[in-house]
Amino acid sequence: MAKANGKRRKISLALQGGGAHGAYTWGVLDRLSAEDSLEITAISATSAGALNAVAYAAGLSKGGPEGARKELASLWRRVSDAGSVLGTFGPVGFAMATAMQSLASPYDLNPFNFNPLRRLVEGEIDFGAVHASGLTLFVSATNVETGKVRVFARDEINADAVLASACLPQAFQAVEIDGAPYWDGGYMGNPSLFPLIYSGAPQDVLLVLLNPLERPGTPKRAADIQERLNEISFNASLIGELRAIAFVQRLIDEGMLKEPVLKKYRRLNIHAIKGGQDLIGLDLSSKYDTRWRLLTDLRDRGHEAADRWIETCAKDVGTKTSSFDIRKEFLEN
């Protein structure tokens, strides 16, 4: 694809969480990193998205886009090798873990607070390289006591910040940072978009979504009901932010914001890879399945989705045009 004015067009990424489905985002990042018409300069991420983001940043710092691709592949290979790092293998193990979690908390089941994800993050991610990457980078977590989102900027991001962002309270004890307990960032920012607005990051934002926005039919089984509740709750904060963005864009387009008020606002051009719709046929247990065969299948699906997006929508980057219709997706019935 031709570059605009011979230059690589800068883009921001917003990466959702989704357990092992984060391997789909690995595939997206792998494809985007190989596209010489685009340059990723900012990322806001949550949970599994945060894992991908820090691996990408560390690899980019050490070896450019190719280094980022290698670091992502190494991360997910270790996730698979660790086996149960994101949960349990397959439907049977997932059902057993779910049954136990309904009877007791992580404080009962894991009093010594062993977190296998910590060993992986600390062993795999070079946070010095993350800090030196030059990326505008944000990771979100939810403050348990206040219910507010905390956004960690690049130089604040360490293993604890990533673990906090990925801390599902049914599975892990809250992660304490500066005396405050944190749970998964998906509850309040999945992912957070406002840091991209206020940081001066590229106005073109590509959402990589892992939760389906729509799921036809009414769930009847207990597991299906819980899965849909999780999808709705983990999409709620993002939908709220996108609605606010759509409202501000409408005010700008209709000339209703005048100086000096207009200086406080900026347009975001929204694009999306709707991975949740691509993965809608997978059940909840697959988010906890770290077998290499599944992870590489998810990677390949993400790679293909990014390829389609580049072919059909990447031309809109840098043109002040959104290829994702916020009003149609979230404001119209």
Protein backbone atom coordinates (compact mmCIF):
# COMPACT_ATOMS: atom_id res chain seq x y z
CA MET A 1 0.00 0.00 0.00
CA ALA A 2 1.31 3.42 -0.93
CA LYS A 3 2.36 5.78 1.81
CA ALA A 4 0.67 9.14 2.18
CA ASN A 5 3.08 11.77 0.80
CA GLY A 6 5.83 9.14 0.93
CA LYS A 7 5.64 9.00 4.72
CA ARG A 8 4.48 6.32 7.12
CA ARG A 9 1.14 7.31 8.58
CA LYS A 10 1.06 7.34 12.37
CA ILE A 11 -1.62 5.46 14.25
CA SER A 12 -2.68 4.77 17.84
CA LEU A 13 -3.86 1.36 19.02
CA ALA A 14 -6.41 0.53 21.71
CA LEU A 15 -6.14 -3.11 22.81
CA GLN A 16 -8.87 -4.96 24.71
CA GLY A 17 -8.35 -7.78 27.16
CA GLY A 18 -9.68 -11.30 26.69
CA GLY A 19 -7.45 -13.93 28.30
CA ALA A 20 -5.97 -16.38 25.82
CA HIS A 21 -7.94 -14.63 23.08
CA GLY A 22 -5.22 -12.01 23.37
CA ALA A 23 -3.31 -14.23 20.93
CA TYR A 24 -5.67 -12.82 18.28
CA THR A 25 -4.23 -9.38 19.06
CA TRP A 26 -0.75 -10.88 18.74
CA GLY A 27 -1.67 -11.73 15.14
CA VAL A 28 -2.98 -8.20 14.53
CA LEU A 29 0.22 -6.64 15.87
CA ASP A 30 2.35 -9.06 13.89
CA ARG A 31 0.66 -7.98 10.64
CA LEU A 32 0.61 -4.27 11.44
CA SER A 33 4.32 -4.35 12.31
CA ALA A 34 5.09 -5.65 8.83
CA GLU A 35 3.09 -2.88 7.10
CA ASP A 36 5.50 -0.20 5.91
CA SER A 37 2.76 2.37 5.25
CA LEU A 38 1.82 2.60 8.95
CA GLU A 39 3.70 3.45 12.14
CA ILE A 40 2.34 2.54 15.58
CA THR A 41 3.37 5.35 17.94
CA ALA A 42 0.84 5.05 20.78
CA ILE A 43 -0.94 2.18 22.55
CA SER A 44 -3.55 2.12 25.32
CA ALA A 45 -4.18 -1.40 26.59
CA THR A 46 -5.82 -3.52 29.25
CA SER A 47 -5.31 -7.05 30.62
CA ALA A 48 -4.14 -9.41 27.84
CA GLY A 49 -3.87 -6.29 25.69
CA ALA A 50 -1.40 -4.91 28.23
CA LEU A 51 0.72 -8.06 27.93
CA ASN A 52 0.81 -7.63 24.18
CA ALA A 53 1.57 -3.91 24.50
CA VAL A 54 4.59 -4.26 26.79
CA ALA A 55 6.00 -7.15 24.74
CA TYR A 56 5.61 -5.07 21.59
CA ALA A 57 7.25 -2.04 23.22
CA ALA A 58 10.20 -4.04 24.59
CA GLY A 59 10.82 -5.73 21.24
CA LEU A 60 10.46 -2.47 19.33
CA SER A 61 13.05 -0.84 21.58
CA LYS A 62 15.56 -3.62 20.97
CA GLY A 63 15.03 -4.41 17.32
CA GLY A 64 12.44 -2.21 15.64
CA PRO A 65 9.25 -3.72 14.16
CA GLU A 66 10.93 -7.07 13.53
CA GLY A 67 12.12 -7.13 17.14
CA ALA A 68 8.56 -6.44 18.27
CA ARG A 69 7.26 -9.37 16.23
CA LYS A 70 9.88 -11.70 17.71
CA GLU A 71 9.14 -10.54 21.26
CA LEU A 72 5.41 -11.15 20.81
CA ALA A 73 6.04 -14.65 19.48
CA SER A 74 8.33 -15.37 22.43
CA LEU A 75 5.74 -14.11 24.91
CA TRP A 76 2.96 -16.34 23.60
CA ARG A 77 5.26 -19.34 23.34
CA ARG A 78 5.99 -18.90 27.04
CA VAL A 79 2.30 -18.47 27.80
CA SER A 80 1.68 -21.83 26.18
CA ASP A 81 4.67 -23.47 27.87
CA ALA A 82 3.49 -22.20 31.25
CA GLY A 83 0.29 -24.12 30.63
CA SER A 84 -2.04 -22.76 33.25
CA VAL A 85 -0.75 -19.20 33.38
CA LEU A 86 -4.04 -17.75 32.09
CA GLY A 87 -6.22 -20.39 33.67
CA THR A 88 -6.77 -24.07 32.95
CA PHE A 89 -6.68 -26.28 29.90
CA GLY A 90 -9.92 -26.64 28.01
CA PRO A 91 -13.55 -27.13 29.04
CA VAL A 92 -13.03 -29.73 31.78
CA GLY A 93 -10.36 -27.81 33.66
CA PHE A 94 -12.26 -24.59 33.20
CA ALA A 95 -15.46 -26.13 34.60
CA MET A 96 -13.59 -27.41 37.67
CA ALA A 97 -11.95 -24.03 38.29
CA THR A 98 -15.26 -22.21 37.87
CA ALA A 99 -16.96 -24.52 40.37
CA MET A 100 -14.21 -23.91 42.92
CA GLN A 101 -14.31 -20.14 42.42
CA SER A 102 -18.04 -20.10 43.12
CA LEU A 103 -17.39 -21.66 46.53
CA ALA A 104 -14.25 -19.85 47.67
CA SER A 105 -12.20 -16.76 46.85
CA PRO A 106 -8.54 -16.62 45.76
CA TYR A 107 -7.75 -15.64 49.34
CA ASP A 108 -9.16 -19.00 50.48
CA LEU A 109 -7.82 -21.13 47.65
CA ASN A 110 -4.43 -19.42 47.30
CA PRO A 111 -3.49 -17.93 50.70
CA PHE A 112 0.18 -17.54 49.73
CA ASN A 113 -0.83 -15.49 46.67
CA PHE A 114 1.08 -17.54 44.11
CA ASN A 115 0.54 -15.94 40.71
CA PRO A 116 2.11 -17.84 37.78
CA LEU A 117 1.57 -14.80 35.57
CA ARG A 118 4.12 -12.88 37.64
CA ARG A 119 6.88 -15.34 36.83
CA LEU A 120 6.07 -15.07 33.13
CA VAL A 121 5.91 -11.26 33.06
CA GLU A 122 9.05 -10.75 35.12
CA GLY A 123 10.95 -13.38 33.16
CA GLU A 124 9.87 -12.33 29.68
CA ILE A 125 9.46 -8.54 29.67
CA ASP A 126 12.41 -6.16 29.86
CA PHE A 127 10.75 -3.09 31.38
CA GLY A 128 13.88 -1.02 30.89
CA ALA A 129 13.42 -1.58 27.16
CA VAL A 130 9.71 -0.72 27.50
CA HIS A 131 10.61 2.62 29.10
CA ALA A 132 13.17 3.33 26.37
CA SER A 133 10.85 2.40 23.50
CA GLY A 134 9.67 5.93 22.71
CA LEU A 135 6.09 4.70 22.40
CA THR A 136 3.29 6.64 24.03
CA LEU A 137 2.05 3.79 26.17
CA PHE A 138 -0.76 3.40 28.71
CA VAL A 139 -1.96 0.44 30.79
CA SER A 140 -5.21 0.57 32.78
CA ALA A 141 -6.26 -1.08 36.05
CA THR A 142 -9.29 -0.69 38.33
CA ASN A 143 -8.88 0.63 41.87
CA VAL A 144 -10.85 -1.80 44.06
CA GLU A 145 -11.62 0.76 46.77
CA THR A 146 -12.59 3.78 44.66
CA GLY A 147 -13.94 1.98 41.60
CA LYS A 148 -11.97 4.38 39.40
CA VAL A 149 -9.59 3.58 36.59
CA ARG A 150 -5.90 4.16 37.10
CA VAL A 151 -3.85 4.70 33.98
CA PHE A 152 -0.14 3.87 34.18
CA ALA A 153 1.95 5.81 31.65
CA ARG A 154 5.00 4.24 29.99
CA ASP A 155 7.61 5.15 32.60
CA GLU A 156 5.33 3.93 35.41
CA ILE A 157 4.66 0.55 33.85
CA ASN A 158 6.28 -2.40 35.59
CA ALA A 159 5.35 -6.00 36.33
CA ASP A 160 2.90 -4.95 39.06
CA ALA A 161 1.06 -2.58 36.70
CA VAL A 162 0.66 -5.31 34.08
CA LEU A 163 -0.43 -7.86 36.69
CA ALA A 164 -2.95 -5.37 38.10
CA SER A 165 -4.34 -4.73 34.64
CA ALA A 166 -4.85 -8.49 34.18
CA CYS A 167 -6.08 -9.33 37.69
CA LEU A 168 -9.40 -11.14 37.45
CA PRO A 169 -10.71 -11.09 41.05
CA GLN A 170 -12.22 -14.57 40.76
CA ALA A 171 -8.78 -16.01 40.01
CA PHE A 172 -6.18 -13.79 41.71
CA GLN A 173 -5.78 -11.68 44.82
CA ALA A 174 -5.82 -7.95 44.17
CA VAL A 175 -2.45 -6.47 43.20
CA GLU A 176 -1.32 -3.74 45.58
CA ILE A 177 0.50 -0.70 44.16
CA ASP A 178 1.39 2.25 46.39
CA GLY A 179 -0.87 0.78 49.08
CA ALA A 180 -3.95 0.57 46.84
CA PRO A 181 -5.52 -2.71 45.62
CA TYR A 182 -6.20 -3.16 41.90
CA TRP A 183 -8.27 -5.51 39.76
CA ASP A 184 -8.52 -6.04 36.02
CA GLY A 185 -8.59 -2.79 34.06
CA GLY A 186 -11.42 -4.09 31.89
CA TYR A 187 -14.01 -3.12 34.47
CA MET A 188 -13.39 0.60 34.00
CA GLY A 189 -11.37 0.91 30.80
CA ASN A 190 -11.30 -1.85 28.21
CA PRO A 191 -9.25 -0.14 26.96
CA SER A 192 -9.16 3.49 28.11
CA LEU A 193 -9.32 5.96 25.23
CA PHE A 194 -9.07 9.26 27.11
CA PRO A 195 -5.28 9.00 27.64
CA LEU A 196 -4.87 9.00 23.86
CA ILE A 197 -6.94 12.17 23.64
CA TYR A 198 -4.98 14.14 26.22
CA SER A 199 -1.49 12.88 25.38
CA GLY A 200 -1.32 14.23 21.85
CA ALA A 201 -1.17 10.71 20.41
CA PRO A 202 -2.10 10.21 16.72
CA GLN A 203 -5.73 11.08 16.06
CA ASP A 204 -6.33 7.86 14.16
CA VAL A 205 -7.15 5.17 16.73
CA LEU A 206 -7.47 1.51 15.76
CA LEU A 207 -9.54 -0.49 18.26
CA VAL A 208 -8.67 -4.17 18.49
CA LEU A 209 -11.79 -5.63 20.10
CA LEU A 210 -11.92 -9.12 21.60
CA ASN A 211 -15.40 -9.00 23.12
CA PRO A 212 -18.29 -9.24 20.66
CA LEU A 213 -20.39 -6.09 20.53
CA GLU A 214 -23.44 -8.12 19.57
CA ARG A 215 -24.43 -11.74 20.22
CA PRO A 216 -27.72 -12.92 18.69
CA GLY A 217 -30.22 -14.79 20.84
CA THR A 218 -31.00 -15.03 24.53
CA PRO A 219 -28.59 -17.18 26.55
CA LYS A 220 -30.37 -19.90 28.55
CA ARG A 221 -27.60 -21.97 30.17
CA ALA A 222 -25.91 -20.62 33.29
CA ALA A 223 -22.46 -20.53 31.67
CA ASP A 224 -23.82 -18.73 28.60
CA ILE A 225 -25.61 -16.17 30.75
CA GLN A 226 -22.43 -15.47 32.70
CA GLU A 227 -20.42 -15.20 29.51
CA ARG A 228 -22.79 -12.62 28.02
CA LEU A 229 -22.87 -10.65 31.28
CA ASN A 230 -19.08 -10.53 31.22
CA GLU A 231 -19.05 -9.37 27.61
CA ILE A 232 -21.54 -6.59 28.30
CA SER A 233 -19.79 -5.40 31.47
CA PHE A 234 -16.34 -5.46 29.87
CA ASN A 235 -17.62 -3.46 26.90
CA ALA A 236 -19.54 -0.90 28.96
CA SER A 237 -16.73 1.55 29.72
CA LEU A 238 -15.50 1.52 26.10
CA ILE A 239 -19.01 2.14 24.76
CA GLY A 240 -19.39 5.07 27.16
CA GLU A 241 -16.16 6.64 25.96
CA LEU A 242 -17.03 6.12 22.30
CA ARG A 243 -20.42 7.73 22.79
CA ALA A 244 -18.75 10.77 24.35
CA ILE A 245 -16.30 10.93 21.44
CA ALA A 246 -19.17 10.76 18.95
CA PHE A 247 -20.97 13.58 20.76
CA VAL A 248 -17.91 15.85 20.72
CA GLN A 249 -17.23 15.07 17.05
CA ARG A 250 -20.78 16.04 16.20
CA LEU A 251 -20.37 19.35 18.02
CA ILE A 252 -17.13 20.01 16.12
CA ASP A 253 -18.64 19.05 12.76
CA GLU A 254 -21.67 21.28 13.28
CA GLY A 255 -19.52 24.23 14.34
CA MET A 256 -21.07 24.37 17.80
CA LEU A 257 -17.71 24.60 19.57
CA LYS A 258 -16.03 27.96 19.26
CA GLU A 259 -12.67 29.26 20.45
CA PRO A 260 -11.37 29.14 23.14
CA VAL A 261 -13.51 26.12 24.07
CA LEU A 262 -12.60 24.34 20.84
CA LYS A 263 -8.93 24.26 21.86
CA LYS A 264 -9.83 21.84 24.68
CA TYR A 265 -11.15 19.22 22.26
CA ARG A 266 -9.68 17.26 19.38
CA ARG A 267 -11.12 14.90 16.82
CA LEU A 268 -10.39 11.20 17.03
CA ASN A 269 -10.78 9.16 13.86
CA ILE A 270 -11.92 5.72 14.98
CA HIS A 271 -11.14 2.46 13.20
CA ALA A 272 -11.82 -1.07 14.43
CA ILE A 273 -10.91 -4.70 14.01
CA LYS A 274 -13.86 -6.50 15.56
CA GLY A 275 -12.16 -9.65 16.77
CA GLY A 276 -15.03 -10.44 19.11
CA GLN A 277 -17.26 -11.10 16.11
CA ASP A 278 -14.56 -13.27 14.51
CA LEU A 279 -14.30 -15.32 17.71
CA ILE A 280 -18.00 -15.48 18.58
CA GLY A 281 -18.13 -19.23 17.95
CA LEU A 282 -15.59 -19.96 20.70
CA ASP A 283 -16.96 -20.62 24.17
CA LEU A 284 -15.84 -18.98 27.40
CA SER A 285 -13.46 -21.81 28.31
CA SER A 286 -11.29 -21.01 25.28
CA LYS A 287 -10.21 -17.77 27.00
CA TYR A 288 -8.42 -20.01 29.50
CA ASP A 289 -7.01 -22.51 27.00
CA THR A 290 -3.30 -21.93 26.39
CA ARG A 291 -2.54 -24.85 24.11
CA TRP A 292 -0.18 -23.79 21.34
CA ARG A 293 -2.47 -25.07 18.61
CA LEU A 294 -5.29 -22.78 19.76
CA LEU A 295 -2.99 -19.79 20.32
CA THR A 296 -1.51 -20.03 16.85
CA ASP A 297 -4.98 -20.43 15.35
CA LEU A 298 -6.04 -17.23 17.13
CA ARG A 299 -2.85 -15.53 15.93
CA ASP A 300 -3.60 -16.51 12.35
CA ARG A 301 -7.17 -15.20 12.62
CA GLY A 302 -5.89 -11.89 13.95
CA HIS A 303 -3.28 -11.69 11.20
CA GLU A 304 -5.95 -12.25 8.55
CA ALA A 305 -8.27 -9.67 10.12
CA ALA A 306 -5.49 -7.07 10.14
CA ASP A 307 -4.71 -7.89 6.54
CA ARG A 308 -8.36 -7.28 5.58
CA TRP A 309 -8.41 -4.03 7.54
CA ILE A 310 -5.25 -2.79 5.83
CA GLU A 311 -6.70 -3.65 2.44
CA THR A 312 -10.07 -1.98 3.01
CA CYS A 313 -9.68 0.71 5.69
CA ALA A 314 -6.03 1.73 6.16
CA LYS A 315 -6.45 4.22 3.31
CA ASP A 316 -8.58 6.32 5.69
CA VAL A 317 -5.72 6.83 8.15
CA GLY A 318 -4.52 10.42 8.00
CA THR A 319 -7.57 11.65 6.05
CA LYS A 320 -9.66 12.85 9.02
CA THR A 321 -12.09 10.05 8.27
CA SER A 322 -13.28 7.27 10.60
CA SER A 323 -13.74 3.85 9.02
CA PHE A 324 -15.77 2.77 12.09
CA ASP A 325 -19.21 4.37 12.43
CA ILE A 326 -19.60 5.08 16.15
CA ARG A 327 -23.13 6.39 15.79
CA LYS A 328 -24.31 3.33 13.89
CA GLU A 329 -22.61 0.90 16.27
CA PHE A 330 -23.54 2.53 19.58
CA LEU A 331 -26.07 5.33 19.23
CA GLU A 332 -28.68 3.94 16.85
CA ASN A 333 -31.13 1.20 17.77
